[in-house]
All heavy atoms as atom14 arrays in JSON, in Angstrom:
{
  "sequence": "LITIASVSSENHIDLITQIMKLIEDESFMELLLNSNDSQKDYILKR",
  "atom14_mask": [
    [1, 1, 1, 1, 1, 1, 1, 1, 0, 0, 0, 0, 0, 0],
    [1, 1, 1, 1, 1, 1, 1, 1, 0, 0, 0, 0, 0, 0],
    [1, 1, 1, 1, 1, 1, 1, 0, 0, 0, 0, 0, 0, 0],
    [1, 1, 1, 1, 1, 1, 1, 1, 0, 0, 0, 0, 0, 0],
    [1, 1, 1, 1, 1, 0, 0, 0, 0, 0, 0, 0, 0, 0],
    [1, 1, 1, 1, 1, 1, 0, 0, 0, 0, 0, 0, 0, 0],
    [1, 1, 1, 1, 1, 1, 1, 0, 0, 0, 0, 0, 0, 0],
    [1, 1, 1, 1, 1, 1, 0, 0, 0, 0, 0, 0, 0, 0],
    [1, 1, 1, 1, 1, 1, 0, 0, 0, 0, 0, 0, 0, 0],
    [1, 1, 1, 1, 1, 1, 1, 1, 1, 0, 0, 0, 0, 0],
    [1, 1, 1, 1, 1, 1, 1, 1, 0, 0, 0, 0, 0, 0],
    [1, 1, 1, 1, 1, 1, 1, 1, 1, 1, 0, 0, 0, 0],
    [1, 1, 1, 1, 1, 1, 1, 1, 0, 0, 0, 0, 0, 0],
    [1, 1, 1, 1, 1, 1, 1, 1, 0, 0, 0, 0, 0, 0],
    [1, 1, 1, 1, 1, 1, 1, 1, 0, 0, 0, 0, 0, 0],
    [1, 1, 1, 1, 1, 1, 1, 1, 0, 0, 0, 0, 0, 0],
    [1, 1, 1, 1, 1, 1, 1, 0, 0, 0, 0, 0, 0, 0],
    [1, 1, 1, 1, 1, 1, 1, 1, 1, 0, 0, 0, 0, 0],
    [1, 1, 1, 1, 1, 1, 1, 1, 0, 0, 0, 0, 0, 0],
    [1, 1, 1, 1, 1, 1, 1, 1, 0, 0, 0, 0, 0, 0],
    [1, 1, 1, 1, 1, 1, 1, 1, 1, 0, 0, 0, 0, 0],
    [1, 1, 1, 1, 1, 1, 1, 1, 0, 0, 0, 0, 0, 0],
    [1, 1, 1, 1, 1, 1, 1, 1, 0, 0, 0, 0, 0, 0],
    [1, 1, 1, 1, 1, 1, 1, 1, 1, 0, 0, 0, 0, 0],
    [1, 1, 1, 1, 1, 1, 1, 1, 0, 0, 0, 0, 0, 0],
    [1, 1, 1, 1, 1, 1, 1, 1, 1, 0, 0, 0, 0, 0],
    [1, 1, 1, 1, 1, 1, 0, 0, 0, 0, 0, 0, 0, 0],
    [1, 1, 1, 1, 1, 1, 1, 1, 1, 1, 1, 0, 0, 0],
    [1, 1, 1, 1, 1, 1, 1, 1, 0, 0, 0, 0, 0, 0],
    [1, 1, 1, 1, 1, 1, 1, 1, 1, 0, 0, 0, 0, 0],
    [1, 1, 1, 1, 1, 1, 1, 1, 0, 0, 0, 0, 0, 0],
    [1, 1, 1, 1, 1, 1, 1, 1, 0, 0, 0, 0, 0, 0],
    [1, 1, 1, 1, 1, 1, 1, 1, 0, 0, 0, 0, 0, 0],
    [1, 1, 1, 1, 1, 1, 1, 1, 0, 0, 0, 0, 0, 0],
    [1, 1, 1, 1, 1, 1, 0, 0, 0, 0, 0, 0, 0, 0],
    [1, 1, 1, 1, 1, 1, 1, 1, 0, 0, 0, 0, 0, 0],
    [1, 1, 1, 1, 1, 1, 1, 1, 0, 0, 0, 0, 0, 0],
    [1, 1, 1, 1, 1, 1, 0, 0, 0, 0, 0, 0, 0, 0],
    [1, 1, 1, 1, 1, 1, 1, 1, 1, 0, 0, 0, 0, 0],
    [1, 1, 1, 1, 1, 1, 1, 1, 1, 0, 0, 0, 0, 0],
    [1, 1, 1, 1, 1, 1, 1, 1, 0, 0, 0, 0, 0, 0],
    [1, 1, 1, 1, 1, 1, 1, 1, 1, 1, 1, 1, 0, 0],
    [1, 1, 1, 1, 1, 1, 1, 1, 0, 0, 0, 0, 0, 0],
    [1, 1, 1, 1, 1, 1, 1, 1, 0, 0, 0, 0, 0, 0],
    [1, 1, 1, 1, 1, 1, 1, 1, 1, 0, 0, 0, 0, 0],
    [1, 1, 1, 1, 1, 1, 1, 1, 1, 1, 1, 0, 0, 0]
  ],
  "atom14_positions": [
    [[5.33, 7.23, 3.77], [6.26, 6.11, 3.92], [5.43, 4.83, 3.94], [4.51, 4.69, 4.75], [7.03, 6.18, 5.24], [8.16, 7.17, 5.38], [8.76, 7.06, 6.79], [9.22, 6.94, 4.35], [0.0, 0.0, 0.0], [0.0, 0.0, 0.0], [0.0, 0.0, 0.0], [0.0, 0.0, 0.0], [0.0, 0.0, 0.0], [0.0, 0.0, 0.0]],
    [[5.75, 3.91, 3.05], [5.11, 2.59, 3.05], [6.23, 1.61, 3.32], [7.07, 1.35, 2.47], [4.42, 2.3, 1.71], [3.39, 3.38, 1.39], [3.77, 0.91, 1.75], [2.78, 3.27, -0.01], [0.0, 0.0, 0.0], [0.0, 0.0, 0.0], [0.0, 0.0, 0.0], [0.0, 0.0, 0.0], [0.0, 0.0, 0.0], [0.0, 0.0, 0.0]],
    [[6.28, 1.09, 4.54], [7.36, 0.21, 4.97], [6.89, -1.24, 4.91], [5.81, -1.56, 5.41], [7.77, 0.56, 6.41], [8.04, 1.95, 6.49], [8.99, -0.21, 6.85], [0.0, 0.0, 0.0], [0.0, 0.0, 0.0], [0.0, 0.0, 0.0], [0.0, 0.0, 0.0], [0.0, 0.0, 0.0], [0.0, 0.0, 0.0], [0.0, 0.0, 0.0]],
    [[7.7, -2.1, 4.28], [7.31, -3.51, 4.17], [8.45, -4.44, 4.58], [9.61, -4.09, 4.47], [6.82, -3.88, 2.76], [7.93, -3.69, 1.73], [5.6, -3.08, 2.37], [7.58, -4.21, 0.35], [0.0, 0.0, 0.0], [0.0, 0.0, 0.0], [0.0, 0.0, 0.0], [0.0, 0.0, 0.0], [0.0, 0.0, 0.0], [0.0, 0.0, 0.0]],
    [[8.05, -5.61, 5.06], [8.98, -6.71, 5.34], [8.29, -7.99, 4.91], [7.1, -8.17, 5.15], [9.31, -6.77, 6.83], [0.0, 0.0, 0.0], [0.0, 0.0, 0.0], [0.0, 0.0, 0.0], [0.0, 0.0, 0.0], [0.0, 0.0, 0.0], [0.0, 0.0, 0.0], [0.0, 0.0, 0.0], [0.0, 0.0, 0.0], [0.0, 0.0, 0.0]],
    [[9.01, -8.85, 4.24], [8.43, -10.1, 3.76], [9.43, -11.23, 3.93], [10.63, -11.04, 3.75], [8.05, -9.96, 2.28], [7.54, -11.17, 1.79], [0.0, 0.0, 0.0], [0.0, 0.0, 0.0], [0.0, 0.0, 0.0], [0.0, 0.0, 0.0], [0.0, 0.0, 0.0], [0.0, 0.0, 0.0], [0.0, 0.0, 0.0], [0.0, 0.0, 0.0]],
    [[8.92, -12.42, 4.24], [9.79, -13.58, 4.41], [9.99, -14.32, 3.09], [10.86, -15.17, 2.98], [9.24, -14.55, 5.49], [9.29, -13.9, 6.85], [7.84, -15.01, 5.16], [0.0, 0.0, 0.0], [0.0, 0.0, 0.0], [0.0, 0.0, 0.0], [0.0, 0.0, 0.0], [0.0, 0.0, 0.0], [0.0, 0.0, 0.0], [0.0, 0.0, 0.0]],
    [[9.2, -13.99, 2.08], [9.26, -14.67, 0.79], [9.73, -13.71, -0.3], [9.18, -12.63, -0.46], [7.86, -15.21, 0.44], [7.72, -15.43, -0.94], [0.0, 0.0, 0.0], [0.0, 0.0, 0.0], [0.0, 0.0, 0.0], [0.0, 0.0, 0.0], [0.0, 0.0, 0.0], [0.0, 0.0, 0.0], [0.0, 0.0, 0.0], [0.0, 0.0, 0.0]],
    [[10.73, -14.11, -1.06], [11.22, -13.27, -2.16], [10.13, -13.01, -3.19], [9.98, -11.9, -3.69], [12.41, -13.93, -2.85], [13.5, -13.99, -1.98], [0.0, 0.0, 0.0], [0.0, 0.0, 0.0], [0.0, 0.0, 0.0], [0.0, 0.0, 0.0], [0.0, 0.0, 0.0], [0.0, 0.0, 0.0], [0.0, 0.0, 0.0], [0.0, 0.0, 0.0]],
    [[9.35, -14.03, -3.5], [8.27, -13.89, -4.48], [7.21, -12.91, -3.96], [6.77, -12.01, -4.67], [7.64, -15.24, -4.78], [6.56, -15.19, -5.84], [6.02, -16.57, -6.15], [6.81, -17.44, -6.57], [4.81, -16.76, -5.96], [0.0, 0.0, 0.0], [0.0, 0.0, 0.0], [0.0, 0.0, 0.0], [0.0, 0.0, 0.0], [0.0, 0.0, 0.0]],
    [[6.81, -13.08, -2.72], [5.82, -12.2, -2.11], [6.35, -10.77, -2.04], [5.61, -9.81, -2.25], [5.44, -12.72, -0.73], [4.3, -11.96, -0.11], [3.56, -11.26, -0.78], [4.16, -12.1, 1.19], [0.0, 0.0, 0.0], [0.0, 0.0, 0.0], [0.0, 0.0, 0.0], [0.0, 0.0, 0.0], [0.0, 0.0, 0.0], [0.0, 0.0, 0.0]],
    [[7.62, -10.63, -1.76], [8.27, -9.32, -1.65], [8.13, -8.54, -2.96], [7.7, -7.39, -2.97], [9.75, -9.54, -1.29], [10.54, -8.32, -1.1], [10.54, -7.61, 0.08], [11.38, -7.66, -1.94], [11.36, -6.58, -0.04], [11.88, -6.58, -1.25], [0.0, 0.0, 0.0], [0.0, 0.0, 0.0], [0.0, 0.0, 0.0], [0.0, 0.0, 0.0]],
    [[8.47, -9.16, -4.07], [8.39, -8.53, -5.38], [6.93, -8.24, -5.74], [6.61, -7.15, -6.24], [9.04, -9.42, -6.47], [10.51, -9.65, -6.17], [8.83, -8.82, -7.86], [11.37, -8.41, -6.18], [0.0, 0.0, 0.0], [0.0, 0.0, 0.0], [0.0, 0.0, 0.0], [0.0, 0.0, 0.0], [0.0, 0.0, 0.0], [0.0, 0.0, 0.0]],
    [[6.04, -9.19, -5.49], [4.61, -8.99, -5.79], [4.05, -7.81, -5.0], [3.28, -7.01, -5.54], [3.8, -10.25, -5.47], [4.07, -11.39, -6.44], [4.62, -11.13, -7.53], [3.73, -12.53, -6.1], [0.0, 0.0, 0.0], [0.0, 0.0, 0.0], [0.0, 0.0, 0.0], [0.0, 0.0, 0.0], [0.0, 0.0, 0.0], [0.0, 0.0, 0.0]],
    [[4.42, -7.72, -3.75], [3.92, -6.64, -2.9], [4.4, -5.28, -3.39], [3.6, -4.33, -3.5], [4.36, -6.88, -1.46], [3.79, -5.94, -0.42], [2.26, -5.96, -0.43], [4.3, -6.31, 0.95], [0.0, 0.0, 0.0], [0.0, 0.0, 0.0], [0.0, 0.0, 0.0], [0.0, 0.0, 0.0], [0.0, 0.0, 0.0], [0.0, 0.0, 0.0]],
    [[5.66, -5.16, -3.72], [6.18, -3.89, -4.24], [5.48, -3.54, -5.56], [5.11, -2.38, -5.78], [7.71, -3.94, -4.41], [8.37, -3.98, -3.02], [8.21, -2.73, -5.2], [9.86, -4.15, -3.05], [0.0, 0.0, 0.0], [0.0, 0.0, 0.0], [0.0, 0.0, 0.0], [0.0, 0.0, 0.0], [0.0, 0.0, 0.0], [0.0, 0.0, 0.0]],
    [[5.24, -4.53, -6.41], [4.54, -4.3, -7.67], [3.12, -3.78, -7.42], [2.67, -2.83, -8.07], [4.5, -5.59, -8.51], [5.85, -6.02, -8.76], [3.79, -5.39, -9.83], [0.0, 0.0, 0.0], [0.0, 0.0, 0.0], [0.0, 0.0, 0.0], [0.0, 0.0, 0.0], [0.0, 0.0, 0.0], [0.0, 0.0, 0.0], [0.0, 0.0, 0.0]],
    [[2.41, -4.4, -6.48], [1.05, -3.95, -6.15], [1.06, -2.52, -5.63], [0.21, -1.71, -6.0], [0.43, -4.87, -5.1], [0.02, -6.21, -5.6], [-0.55, -7.06, -4.48], [-0.71, -6.63, -3.34], [-0.87, -8.29, -4.8], [0.0, 0.0, 0.0], [0.0, 0.0, 0.0], [0.0, 0.0, 0.0], [0.0, 0.0, 0.0], [0.0, 0.0, 0.0]],
    [[2.0, -2.21, -4.77], [2.09, -0.86, -4.21], [2.39, 0.15, -5.31], [1.79, 1.23, -5.36], [3.14, -0.8, -3.09], [2.65, -1.6, -1.87], [3.45, 0.64, -2.7], [3.7, -1.82, -0.8], [0.0, 0.0, 0.0], [0.0, 0.0, 0.0], [0.0, 0.0, 0.0], [0.0, 0.0, 0.0], [0.0, 0.0, 0.0], [0.0, 0.0, 0.0]],
    [[3.28, -0.19, -6.22], [3.61, 0.72, -7.32], [2.38, 1.0, -8.19], [2.17, 2.13, -8.62], [4.75, 0.15, -8.17], [6.06, 0.03, -7.43], [6.65, 1.59, -6.76], [7.09, 2.43, -8.26], [0.0, 0.0, 0.0], [0.0, 0.0, 0.0], [0.0, 0.0, 0.0], [0.0, 0.0, 0.0], [0.0, 0.0, 0.0], [0.0, 0.0, 0.0]],
    [[1.55, 0.0, -8.41], [0.32, 0.2, -9.19], [-0.63, 1.14, -8.44], [-1.26, 2.0, -9.04], [-0.36, -1.14, -9.47], [0.36, -1.96, -10.51], [-0.34, -3.3, -10.72], [0.44, -4.16, -11.69], [-0.13, -5.51, -11.83], [0.0, 0.0, 0.0], [0.0, 0.0, 0.0], [0.0, 0.0, 0.0], [0.0, 0.0, 0.0], [0.0, 0.0, 0.0]],
    [[-0.74, 0.95, -7.14], [-1.62, 1.81, -6.35], [-1.14, 3.26, -6.33], [-1.94, 4.19, -6.37], [-1.72, 1.28, -4.91], [-2.53, 0.01, -4.74], [-2.36, -0.54, -3.33], [-4.0, 0.26, -5.04], [0.0, 0.0, 0.0], [0.0, 0.0, 0.0], [0.0, 0.0, 0.0], [0.0, 0.0, 0.0], [0.0, 0.0, 0.0], [0.0, 0.0, 0.0]],
    [[0.17, 3.44, -6.3], [0.74, 4.79, -6.27], [0.38, 5.57, -7.53], [0.23, 6.79, -7.5], [2.27, 4.71, -6.07], [2.57, 4.3, -4.63], [2.96, 6.02, -6.42], [4.03, 3.98, -4.37], [0.0, 0.0, 0.0], [0.0, 0.0, 0.0], [0.0, 0.0, 0.0], [0.0, 0.0, 0.0], [0.0, 0.0, 0.0], [0.0, 0.0, 0.0]],
    [[0.2, 4.87, -8.64], [-0.17, 5.52, -9.89], [-1.61, 6.04, -9.88], [-1.97, 6.87, -10.7], [0.01, 4.55, -11.05], [1.47, 4.19, -11.3], [1.63, 3.12, -12.36], [0.63, 2.68, -12.95], [2.78, 2.73, -12.6], [0.0, 0.0, 0.0], [0.0, 0.0, 0.0], [0.0, 0.0, 0.0], [0.0, 0.0, 0.0], [0.0, 0.0, 0.0]],
    [[-2.41, 5.57, -8.95], [-3.82, 5.96, -8.86], [-3.95, 7.22, -7.99], [-3.75, 7.17, -6.78], [-4.61, 4.8, -8.24], [-6.1, 5.06, -8.15], [-6.53, 6.23, -8.25], [-6.83, 4.08, -7.97], [0.0, 0.0, 0.0], [0.0, 0.0, 0.0], [0.0, 0.0, 0.0], [0.0, 0.0, 0.0], [0.0, 0.0, 0.0], [0.0, 0.0, 0.0]],
    [[-4.28, 8.34, -8.63], [-4.35, 9.62, -7.91], [-5.38, 9.61, -6.79], [-5.15, 10.18, -5.72], [-4.65, 10.76, -8.89], [-3.47, 11.08, -9.78], [-3.77, 12.24, -10.71], [-4.54, 13.15, -10.32], [-3.23, 12.24, -11.82], [0.0, 0.0, 0.0], [0.0, 0.0, 0.0], [0.0, 0.0, 0.0], [0.0, 0.0, 0.0], [0.0, 0.0, 0.0]],
    [[-6.52, 8.93, -7.0], [-7.54, 8.9, -5.94], [-7.05, 8.1, -4.73], [-7.35, 8.44, -3.59], [-8.86, 8.35, -6.47], [-8.7, 7.04, -6.95], [0.0, 0.0, 0.0], [0.0, 0.0, 0.0], [0.0, 0.0, 0.0], [0.0, 0.0, 0.0], [0.0, 0.0, 0.0], [0.0, 0.0, 0.0], [0.0, 0.0, 0.0], [0.0, 0.0, 0.0]],
    [[-6.28, 7.05, -4.97], [-5.7, 6.27, -3.87], [-4.73, 7.13, -3.08], [-4.74, 7.13, -1.85], [-4.99, 5.02, -4.4], [-4.27, 4.25, -3.33], [-4.97, 3.44, -2.46], [-2.9, 4.35, -3.2], [-4.31, 2.74, -1.46], [-2.22, 3.65, -2.21], [-2.94, 2.84, -1.34], [0.0, 0.0, 0.0], [0.0, 0.0, 0.0], [0.0, 0.0, 0.0]],
    [[-3.88, 7.87, -3.78], [-2.92, 8.72, -3.1], [-3.61, 9.81, -2.29], [-3.2, 10.12, -1.17], [-1.96, 9.35, -4.12], [-1.11, 8.33, -4.84], [-0.23, 7.2, -3.73], [0.8, 8.35, -2.87], [0.0, 0.0, 0.0], [0.0, 0.0, 0.0], [0.0, 0.0, 0.0], [0.0, 0.0, 0.0], [0.0, 0.0, 0.0], [0.0, 0.0, 0.0]],
    [[-4.67, 10.38, -2.82], [-5.44, 11.38, -2.1], [-6.05, 10.76, -0.84], [-6.04, 11.37, 0.23], [-6.53, 11.95, -3.01], [-7.11, 13.24, -2.56], [-6.11, 14.38, -2.52], [-5.19, 14.43, -3.35], [-6.25, 15.24, -1.63], [0.0, 0.0, 0.0], [0.0, 0.0, 0.0], [0.0, 0.0, 0.0], [0.0, 0.0, 0.0], [0.0, 0.0, 0.0]],
    [[-6.55, 9.54, -0.97], [-7.11, 8.83, 0.18], [-6.04, 8.62, 1.25], [-6.28, 8.85, 2.43], [-7.68, 7.48, -0.26], [-8.19, 6.56, 0.83], [-9.42, 7.18, 1.51], [-8.55, 5.21, 0.27], [0.0, 0.0, 0.0], [0.0, 0.0, 0.0], [0.0, 0.0, 0.0], [0.0, 0.0, 0.0], [0.0, 0.0, 0.0], [0.0, 0.0, 0.0]],
    [[-4.85, 8.21, 0.85], [-3.77, 8.0, 1.82], [-3.45, 9.28, 2.58], [-3.28, 9.27, 3.79], [-2.5, 7.54, 1.11], [-2.28, 6.07, 0.92], [-0.89, 5.82, 0.34], [-2.47, 5.27, 2.17], [0.0, 0.0, 0.0], [0.0, 0.0, 0.0], [0.0, 0.0, 0.0], [0.0, 0.0, 0.0], [0.0, 0.0, 0.0], [0.0, 0.0, 0.0]],
    [[-3.34, 10.37, 1.86], [-2.95, 11.63, 2.48], [-4.02, 12.22, 3.38], [-3.72, 12.99, 4.29], [-2.54, 12.65, 1.41], [-1.21, 12.34, 0.72], [-1.02, 13.25, -0.47], [-0.05, 12.47, 1.69], [0.0, 0.0, 0.0], [0.0, 0.0, 0.0], [0.0, 0.0, 0.0], [0.0, 0.0, 0.0], [0.0, 0.0, 0.0], [0.0, 0.0, 0.0]],
    [[-5.28, 11.85, 3.14], [-6.38, 12.47, 3.88], [-7.17, 11.5, 4.76], [-8.2, 11.87, 5.3], [-7.33, 13.16, 2.9], [-6.64, 14.28, 2.17], [-6.04, 15.15, 2.79], [-6.69, 14.25, 0.85], [0.0, 0.0, 0.0], [0.0, 0.0, 0.0], [0.0, 0.0, 0.0], [0.0, 0.0, 0.0], [0.0, 0.0, 0.0], [0.0, 0.0, 0.0]],
    [[-6.71, 10.27, 4.92], [-7.46, 9.29, 5.7], [-7.02, 9.27, 7.16], [-5.93, 9.71, 7.51], [-7.3, 7.89, 5.08], [-5.96, 7.5, 5.12], [0.0, 0.0, 0.0], [0.0, 0.0, 0.0], [0.0, 0.0, 0.0], [0.0, 0.0, 0.0], [0.0, 0.0, 0.0], [0.0, 0.0, 0.0], [0.0, 0.0, 0.0], [0.0, 0.0, 0.0]],
    [[-7.91, 8.71, 8.0], [-7.56, 8.55, 9.41], [-6.96, 7.16, 9.62], [-6.84, 6.38, 8.69], [-8.8, 8.78, 10.31], [-9.9, 7.77, 10.03], [-9.65, 6.61, 9.75], [-11.15, 8.22, 10.11], [0.0, 0.0, 0.0], [0.0, 0.0, 0.0], [0.0, 0.0, 0.0], [0.0, 0.0, 0.0], [0.0, 0.0, 0.0], [0.0, 0.0, 0.0]],
    [[-6.57, 6.85, 10.84], [-5.87, 5.58, 11.12], [-6.71, 4.35, 10.8], [-6.18, 3.37, 10.27], [-5.4, 5.53, 12.58], [-4.24, 6.47, 12.84], [-3.6, 6.91, 11.87], [-3.98, 6.77, 14.02], [0.0, 0.0, 0.0], [0.0, 0.0, 0.0], [0.0, 0.0, 0.0], [0.0, 0.0, 0.0], [0.0, 0.0, 0.0], [0.0, 0.0, 0.0]],
    [[-8.0, 4.36, 11.11], [-8.81, 3.17, 10.83], [-8.97, 2.96, 9.33], [-8.99, 1.83, 8.86], [-10.18, 3.26, 11.51], [-10.93, 4.35, 11.0], [0.0, 0.0, 0.0], [0.0, 0.0, 0.0], [0.0, 0.0, 0.0], [0.0, 0.0, 0.0], [0.0, 0.0, 0.0], [0.0, 0.0, 0.0], [0.0, 0.0, 0.0], [0.0, 0.0, 0.0]],
    [[-9.03, 4.04, 8.55], [-9.08, 3.9, 7.1], [-7.76, 3.35, 6.57], [-7.76, 2.54, 5.65], [-9.39, 5.25, 6.45], [-10.82, 5.72, 6.72], [-11.02, 7.18, 6.36], [-10.15, 8.02, 6.62], [-12.17, 7.49, 5.79], [0.0, 0.0, 0.0], [0.0, 0.0, 0.0], [0.0, 0.0, 0.0], [0.0, 0.0, 0.0], [0.0, 0.0, 0.0]],
    [[-6.65, 3.77, 7.15], [-5.34, 3.25, 6.73], [-5.23, 1.76, 7.06], [-4.66, 0.99, 6.29], [-4.21, 4.04, 7.38], [-4.04, 5.4, 6.76], [-2.88, 6.15, 7.37], [-2.85, 7.54, 6.81], [-2.81, 8.58, 7.78], [0.0, 0.0, 0.0], [0.0, 0.0, 0.0], [0.0, 0.0, 0.0], [0.0, 0.0, 0.0], [0.0, 0.0, 0.0]],
    [[-5.8, 1.32, 8.19], [-5.8, -0.1, 8.52], [-6.54, -0.89, 7.45], [-6.1, -1.97, 7.04], [-6.46, -0.35, 9.88], [-5.58, 0.06, 11.04], [-4.36, 0.23, 10.84], [-6.13, 0.23, 12.15], [0.0, 0.0, 0.0], [0.0, 0.0, 0.0], [0.0, 0.0, 0.0], [0.0, 0.0, 0.0], [0.0, 0.0, 0.0], [0.0, 0.0, 0.0]],
    [[-7.66, -0.37, 6.98], [-8.42, -1.02, 5.91], [-7.58, -1.1, 4.64], [-7.54, -2.14, 3.98], [-9.72, -0.25, 5.66], [-10.5, -0.77, 4.49], [-11.24, -1.95, 4.6], [-10.5, -0.1, 3.27], [-11.96, -2.44, 3.52], [-11.21, -0.58, 2.19], [-11.94, -1.75, 2.32], [-12.64, -2.24, 1.25], [0.0, 0.0, 0.0], [0.0, 0.0, 0.0]],
    [[-6.9, -0.03, 4.3], [-6.04, 0.02, 3.11], [-4.95, -1.05, 3.22], [-4.68, -1.78, 2.27], [-5.42, 1.42, 2.92], [-6.51, 2.43, 2.58], [-4.34, 1.39, 1.84], [-6.07, 3.88, 2.68], [0.0, 0.0, 0.0], [0.0, 0.0, 0.0], [0.0, 0.0, 0.0], [0.0, 0.0, 0.0], [0.0, 0.0, 0.0], [0.0, 0.0, 0.0]],
    [[-4.31, -1.16, 4.38], [-3.26, -2.16, 4.58], [-3.79, -3.57, 4.36], [-3.14, -4.4, 3.73], [-2.67, -2.05, 5.99], [-1.81, -0.84, 6.25], [-1.44, -0.76, 7.74], [-0.56, -0.88, 5.4], [0.0, 0.0, 0.0], [0.0, 0.0, 0.0], [0.0, 0.0, 0.0], [0.0, 0.0, 0.0], [0.0, 0.0, 0.0], [0.0, 0.0, 0.0]],
    [[-4.98, -3.85, 4.88], [-5.58, -5.18, 4.7], [-5.83, -5.46, 3.22], [-5.64, -6.57, 2.74], [-6.86, -5.3, 5.5], [-6.59, -5.4, 6.98], [-7.87, -5.43, 7.79], [-7.54, -5.35, 9.26], [-8.72, -5.17, 10.09], [0.0, 0.0, 0.0], [0.0, 0.0, 0.0], [0.0, 0.0, 0.0], [0.0, 0.0, 0.0], [0.0, 0.0, 0.0]],
    [[-6.27, -4.44, 2.47], [-6.53, -4.61, 1.03], [-5.23, -4.86, 0.28], [-5.2, -5.65, -0.66], [-7.23, -3.37, 0.46], [-8.63, -3.12, 0.98], [-9.62, -4.17, 0.48], [-9.61, -4.34, -0.94], [-10.46, -3.79, -1.79], [-11.4, -3.01, -1.35], [-10.36, -4.02, -3.08], [0.0, 0.0, 0.0], [0.0, 0.0, 0.0], [0.0, 0.0, 0.0]]
  ]
}
């Protein structure tokens, strides 16, 4: 589950677009499924 909230319509669309691109990357998805909480914090910041 990747939950988002944004105050800007433009930022909202851009963020969903970025996430969709990341989802296409198999190594990113593997990282998400196998990472610990501190690694997920780093991913969120990126």
